[in-house]
Amino acid sequence: MIRGRFEVQSHQTLIHVQMSLHPFVMAFLRFWFFCWYSAIIPIILAGAMPDQMAALFVGMPILMLAIFCVFFWFEANRSRTELRKIIQGQI
């Protein structure tokens, strides 16, 4: 989601832009993490999974979240650049 506001100054107009994930996406990620860890943690605590696999299953969602964040910020920066060009009349 892209939100912005205009601030008029004496010789220019400042545009403040805020980019964030849609609330549905945030809710889905929270639900997914809750389901994942509520299933994995009891299995690990019961000793039903080898330690090497436990580390993999605990770390995998965190790695996926990090990859998701990298791609989100890449796209957000690209959108910010395109928005700047549109506002400046370059496109």
Protein backbone atom coordinates (compact mmCIF):
# COMPACT_ATOMS: atom_id res chain seq x y z
CA MET A 1 0.00 0.00 0.00
CA ILE A 2 1.27 3.44 -0.86
CA ARG A 3 0.07 6.41 1.13
CA GLY A 4 1.20 9.97 0.85
CA ARG A 5 0.53 13.51 1.83
CA PHE A 6 1.46 16.83 0.28
CA GLU A 7 3.12 19.60 2.27
CA VAL A 8 3.12 23.00 0.59
CA GLN A 9 6.16 25.17 1.25
CA SER A 10 7.10 28.60 -0.10
CA HIS A 11 8.78 27.51 -3.39
CA GLN A 12 8.12 23.80 -3.48
CA THR A 13 5.80 21.02 -2.48
CA LEU A 14 7.07 18.16 -0.35
CA ILE A 15 5.48 14.78 -0.76
CA HIS A 16 5.72 12.36 2.14
CA VAL A 17 5.28 8.75 1.00
CA GLN A 18 4.70 5.76 3.25
CA MET A 19 4.76 2.23 1.89
CA SER A 20 3.54 -0.78 3.84
CA LEU A 21 2.06 -4.20 3.43
CA HIS A 22 -1.67 -4.59 3.08
CA PRO A 23 -3.30 -5.51 6.43
CA PHE A 24 -4.56 -8.78 4.91
CA VAL A 25 -0.98 -9.78 4.07
CA MET A 26 0.17 -8.96 7.60
CA ALA A 27 -2.71 -10.99 9.06
CA PHE A 28 -1.90 -13.93 6.79
CA LEU A 29 1.79 -13.86 7.81
CA ARG A 30 0.88 -13.78 11.50
CA PHE A 31 -1.56 -16.67 11.03
CA TRP A 32 1.02 -18.68 9.09
CA PHE A 33 3.72 -18.15 11.72
CA PHE A 34 1.28 -19.03 14.50
CA CYS A 35 0.22 -22.26 12.78
CA TRP A 36 3.79 -23.21 11.86
CA TYR A 37 5.29 -22.70 15.29
CA SER A 38 2.30 -24.09 17.19
CA ALA A 39 2.83 -27.35 15.28
CA ILE A 40 6.65 -27.47 15.30
CA ILE A 41 7.44 -26.45 18.89
CA PRO A 42 5.49 -29.31 20.56
CA ILE A 43 7.12 -31.82 18.19
CA ILE A 44 10.58 -30.49 19.05
CA LEU A 45 9.89 -30.40 22.79
CA ALA A 46 8.60 -33.98 22.67
CA GLY A 47 11.91 -35.07 21.13
CA ALA A 48 10.23 -36.53 18.05
CA MET A 49 12.54 -34.69 15.65
CA PRO A 50 16.35 -34.82 15.34
CA ASP A 51 18.15 -31.63 16.42
CA GLN A 52 19.45 -30.85 12.92
CA MET A 53 15.96 -31.02 11.47
CA ALA A 54 14.56 -29.02 14.36
CA ALA A 55 16.95 -26.17 13.60
CA LEU A 56 15.89 -26.29 9.96
CA PHE A 57 12.18 -26.23 10.80
CA VAL A 58 12.60 -23.39 13.31
CA GLY A 59 14.79 -21.28 11.02
CA MET A 60 13.00 -21.80 7.71
CA PRO A 61 10.08 -19.37 8.34
CA ILE A 62 12.50 -16.73 9.58
CA LEU A 63 14.59 -17.13 6.41
CA MET A 64 11.45 -16.93 4.27
CA LEU A 65 10.40 -13.76 6.10
CA ALA A 66 13.83 -12.22 5.47
CA ILE A 67 13.60 -13.06 1.75
CA PHE A 68 10.06 -11.63 1.68
CA CYS A 69 11.29 -8.38 3.28
CA VAL A 70 14.14 -8.03 0.78
CA PHE A 71 11.76 -8.37 -2.15
CA PHE A 72 9.21 -6.04 -0.54
CA TRP A 73 11.77 -3.26 -0.07
CA PHE A 74 13.15 -3.81 -3.56
CA GLU A 75 9.66 -3.33 -4.99
CA ALA A 76 8.91 -0.41 -2.64
CA ASN A 77 12.05 1.43 -3.77
CA ARG A 78 11.20 0.77 -7.42
CA SER A 79 7.67 2.09 -6.86
CA ARG A 80 9.03 5.15 -5.07
CA THR A 81 11.32 5.90 -8.03
CA GLU A 82 8.47 5.50 -10.53
CA LEU A 83 6.19 7.66 -8.39
CA ARG A 84 8.85 10.37 -8.24
CA LYS A 85 9.17 10.32 -12.05
CA ILE A 86 5.41 10.51 -12.49
CA ILE A 87 5.08 13.47 -10.13
CA GLN A 88 7.99 15.28 -11.77
CA GLY A 89 6.42 14.73 -15.19
CA GLN A 90 9.21 12.56 -16.57
CA ILE A 91 6.91 9.71 -17.60
